[in-house]
Amino acid sequence: MGIQSKDIVHDEELTLKISREGFESFVICLTLGTLRAIREGTLKPEAGIWTIGRPVFWRRLEKEDLLSPRVLQVLQTADEIDALYELAGSGKGIQMIDELIEILEDELKTQAQPLWRATWE
């Protein structure tokens, strides 16, 4: 059962409010989930381009200095995953994803507040 694509209104937007205290942890968790889904084949490698790797997603975070340089670099690198899969094969793509996941896991361990809170607006 569940939600079917015909039930989703595609131009409707929802706003998620995330506390600043756990904001970077939220972005790390979101990115980890996306990378793991690509790695496992649940999402296609191009998902990096259209989700976490979109400049419209990470540019404001960079501008407002909301992320560590390493986390920002992972987001900026995510749009290269599909190209690596295409040019060097899935083995190299998975290797890259594993390296990005390791960076994010290390960063999450160093967070003063590894938990995040969110509410819908």
C-alpha atoms as a PDB file:
ATOM      1  CA  MET A   1       0.000   0.000   0.000  1.00  0.00           C
ATOM      2  CA  GLY A   2       1.555   3.329   1.032  1.00  0.00           C
ATOM      3  CA  ILE A   3       1.889   6.503  -0.988  1.00  0.00           C
ATOM      4  CA  GLN A   4       1.801   6.110  -4.752  1.00  0.00           C
ATOM      5  CA  SER A   5       3.365   8.596  -7.160  1.00  0.00           C
ATOM      6  CA  LYS A   6      -0.095   9.616  -8.412  1.00  0.00           C
ATOM      7  CA  ASP A   7      -0.884  10.729  -4.831  1.00  0.00           C
ATOM      8  CA  ILE A   8       2.031  13.166  -4.697  1.00  0.00           C
ATOM      9  CA  VAL A   9       1.525  16.758  -5.761  1.00  0.00           C
ATOM     10  CA  HIS A  10       4.884  17.563  -7.370  1.00  0.00           C
ATOM     11  CA  ASP A  11       4.748  21.342  -7.079  1.00  0.00           C
ATOM     12  CA  GLU A  12       3.867  21.316  -3.403  1.00  0.00           C
ATOM     13  CA  GLU A  13       6.719  22.213  -1.080  1.00  0.00           C
ATOM     14  CA  LEU A  14       7.208  21.350   2.553  1.00  0.00           C
ATOM     15  CA  THR A  15       9.526  23.278   4.822  1.00  0.00           C
ATOM     16  CA  LEU A  16      11.623  21.499   7.393  1.00  0.00           C
ATOM     17  CA  LYS A  17      13.026  23.576  10.243  1.00  0.00           C
ATOM     18  CA  ILE A  18      16.249  22.232  11.741  1.00  0.00           C
ATOM     19  CA  SER A  19      17.898  23.597  14.835  1.00  0.00           C
ATOM     20  CA  ARG A  20      21.285  25.224  14.180  1.00  0.00           C
ATOM     21  CA  GLU A  21      22.752  23.247  17.051  1.00  0.00           C
ATOM     22  CA  GLY A  22      22.404  19.945  15.185  1.00  0.00           C
ATOM     23  CA  PHE A  23      22.287  21.292  11.651  1.00  0.00           C
ATOM     24  CA  GLU A  24      25.603  19.903  10.439  1.00  0.00           C
ATOM     25  CA  SER A  25      24.714  16.503  11.905  1.00  0.00           C
ATOM     26  CA  PHE A  26      21.454  16.598   9.940  1.00  0.00           C
ATOM     27  CA  VAL A  27      23.279  17.336   6.680  1.00  0.00           C
ATOM     28  CA  ILE A  28      25.793  14.575   7.414  1.00  0.00           C
ATOM     29  CA  CYS A  29      23.006  12.051   8.089  1.00  0.00           C
ATOM     30  CA  LEU A  30      21.099  13.093   4.966  1.00  0.00           C
ATOM     31  CA  THR A  31      24.254  12.764   2.891  1.00  0.00           C
ATOM     32  CA  LEU A  32      25.211   9.408   4.422  1.00  0.00           C
ATOM     33  CA  GLY A  33      21.783   8.011   3.582  1.00  0.00           C
ATOM     34  CA  THR A  34      21.954   9.262   0.014  1.00  0.00           C
ATOM     35  CA  LEU A  35      25.466   7.895  -0.539  1.00  0.00           C
ATOM     36  CA  ARG A  36      24.575   4.517   0.947  1.00  0.00           C
ATOM     37  CA  ALA A  37      21.481   4.298  -1.253  1.00  0.00           C
ATOM     38  CA  ILE A  38      23.621   4.990  -4.332  1.00  0.00           C
ATOM     39  CA  ARG A  39      26.223   2.459  -3.188  1.00  0.00           C
ATOM     40  CA  GLU A  40      23.599  -0.251  -2.686  1.00  0.00           C
ATOM     41  CA  GLY A  41      21.900   0.479  -6.011  1.00  0.00           C
ATOM     42  CA  THR A  42      18.673   1.757  -4.486  1.00  0.00           C
ATOM     43  CA  LEU A  43      19.377   5.111  -6.144  1.00  0.00           C
ATOM     44  CA  LYS A  44      21.171   5.565  -9.444  1.00  0.00           C
ATOM     45  CA  PRO A  45      24.594   7.243  -9.336  1.00  0.00           C
ATOM     46  CA  GLU A  46      23.079  10.346 -10.947  1.00  0.00           C
ATOM     47  CA  ALA A  47      21.215  10.951  -7.678  1.00  0.00           C
ATOM     48  CA  GLY A  48      24.341  12.698  -6.402  1.00  0.00           C
ATOM     49  CA  ILE A  49      23.954  15.336  -9.101  1.00  0.00           C
ATOM     50  CA  TRP A  50      20.271  15.998  -8.439  1.00  0.00           C
ATOM     51  CA  THR A  51      20.209  15.849  -4.625  1.00  0.00           C
ATOM     52  CA  ILE A  52      23.135  16.532  -2.299  1.00  0.00           C
ATOM     53  CA  GLY A  53      25.507  17.676  -5.063  1.00  0.00           C
ATOM     54  CA  ARG A  54      23.299  20.467  -6.408  1.00  0.00           C
ATOM     55  CA  PRO A  55      24.975  23.860  -6.001  1.00  0.00           C
ATOM     56  CA  VAL A  56      21.598  25.316  -4.987  1.00  0.00           C
ATOM     57  CA  PHE A  57      21.736  22.899  -2.031  1.00  0.00           C
ATOM     58  CA  TRP A  58      25.280  23.461  -0.777  1.00  0.00           C
ATOM     59  CA  ARG A  59      26.111  27.000  -1.923  1.00  0.00           C
ATOM     60  CA  ARG A  60      24.076  28.740   0.786  1.00  0.00           C
ATOM     61  CA  LEU A  61      25.557  26.418   3.405  1.00  0.00           C
ATOM     62  CA  GLU A  62      29.003  27.422   2.192  1.00  0.00           C
ATOM     63  CA  LYS A  63      28.130  31.114   2.103  1.00  0.00           C
ATOM     64  CA  GLU A  64      26.796  31.058   5.670  1.00  0.00           C
ATOM     65  CA  ASP A  65      29.662  28.875   6.896  1.00  0.00           C
ATOM     66  CA  LEU A  66      27.275  26.235   8.274  1.00  0.00           C
ATOM     67  CA  LEU A  67      29.432  23.198   7.431  1.00  0.00           C
ATOM     68  CA  SER A  68      32.975  22.108   8.054  1.00  0.00           C
ATOM     69  CA  PRO A  69      35.197  22.221   4.973  1.00  0.00           C
ATOM     70  CA  ARG A  70      35.299  18.413   4.796  1.00  0.00           C
ATOM     71  CA  VAL A  71      31.511  18.035   4.801  1.00  0.00           C
ATOM     72  CA  LEU A  72      31.169  20.789   2.218  1.00  0.00           C
ATOM     73  CA  GLN A  73      33.756  19.057   0.040  1.00  0.00           C
ATOM     74  CA  VAL A  74      31.760  15.806   0.173  1.00  0.00           C
ATOM     75  CA  LEU A  75      28.650  17.647  -1.038  1.00  0.00           C
ATOM     76  CA  GLN A  76      30.607  19.310  -3.828  1.00  0.00           C
ATOM     77  CA  THR A  77      32.114  15.971  -4.842  1.00  0.00           C
ATOM     78  CA  ALA A  78      28.756  14.164  -4.959  1.00  0.00           C
ATOM     79  CA  ASP A  79      28.005  15.481  -8.439  1.00  0.00           C
ATOM     80  CA  GLU A  80      31.068  13.594  -9.738  1.00  0.00           C
ATOM     81  CA  ILE A  81      29.841  10.143  -8.700  1.00  0.00           C
ATOM     82  CA  ASP A  82      27.829   9.513 -11.858  1.00  0.00           C
ATOM     83  CA  ALA A  83      30.725  10.574 -14.104  1.00  0.00           C
ATOM     84  CA  LEU A  84      33.094   8.239 -12.267  1.00  0.00           C
ATOM     85  CA  TYR A  85      30.660   5.332 -12.659  1.00  0.00           C
ATOM     86  CA  GLU A  86      30.399   6.124 -16.369  1.00  0.00           C
ATOM     87  CA  LEU A  87      34.115   6.615 -17.032  1.00  0.00           C
ATOM     88  CA  ALA A  88      35.812   4.195 -14.639  1.00  0.00           C
ATOM     89  CA  GLY A  89      33.104   1.664 -13.768  1.00  0.00           C
ATOM     90  CA  SER A  90      31.062   0.889 -10.695  1.00  0.00           C
ATOM     91  CA  GLY A  91      34.060  -0.398  -8.741  1.00  0.00           C
ATOM     92  CA  LYS A  92      35.720   3.024  -8.782  1.00  0.00           C
ATOM     93  CA  GLY A  93      32.379   4.691  -8.066  1.00  0.00           C
ATOM     94  CA  ILE A  94      31.832   2.494  -5.019  1.00  0.00           C
ATOM     95  CA  GLN A  95      35.387   3.164  -3.871  1.00  0.00           C
ATOM     96  CA  MET A  96      34.765   6.899  -4.075  1.00  0.00           C
ATOM     97  CA  ILE A  97      31.486   6.580  -2.177  1.00  0.00           C
ATOM     98  CA  ASP A  98      33.209   4.525   0.530  1.00  0.00           C
ATOM     99  CA  GLU A  99      35.823   7.268   0.936  1.00  0.00           C
ATOM    100  CA  LEU A 100      33.117   9.936   1.185  1.00  0.00           C
ATOM    101  CA  ILE A 101      31.185   7.857   3.731  1.00  0.00           C
ATOM    102  CA  GLU A 102      34.330   7.453   5.827  1.00  0.00           C
ATOM    103  CA  ILE A 103      34.874  11.239   5.854  1.00  0.00           C
ATOM    104  CA  LEU A 104      31.275  11.829   6.924  1.00  0.00           C
ATOM    105  CA  GLU A 105      31.372   9.184   9.650  1.00  0.00           C
ATOM    106  CA  ASP A 106      34.569  10.743  11.034  1.00  0.00           C
ATOM    107  CA  GLU A 107      32.948  14.189  10.957  1.00  0.00           C
ATOM    108  CA  LEU A 108      29.794  12.932  12.687  1.00  0.00           C
ATOM    109  CA  LYS A 109      31.903  11.488  15.508  1.00  0.00           C
ATOM    110  CA  THR A 110      33.415  14.925  16.151  1.00  0.00           C
ATOM    111  CA  GLN A 111      30.106  16.792  16.329  1.00  0.00           C
ATOM    112  CA  ALA A 112      29.422  18.479  19.654  1.00  0.00           C
ATOM    113  CA  GLN A 113      25.750  17.723  19.012  1.00  0.00           C
ATOM    114  CA  PRO A 114      25.494  14.591  16.845  1.00  0.00           C
ATOM    115  CA  LEU A 115      21.717  14.507  17.234  1.00  0.00           C
ATOM    116  CA  TRP A 116      19.459  16.853  15.320  1.00  0.00           C
ATOM    117  CA  ARG A 117      15.931  18.135  15.833  1.00  0.00           C
ATOM    118  CA  ALA A 118      13.537  19.038  13.094  1.00  0.00           C
ATOM    119  CA  THR A 119       9.962  20.245  12.828  1.00  0.00           C
ATOM    120  CA  TRP A 120       7.659  20.880   9.901  1.00  0.00           C
ATOM    121  CA  GLU A 121       6.633  24.421   9.207  1.00  0.00           C
END
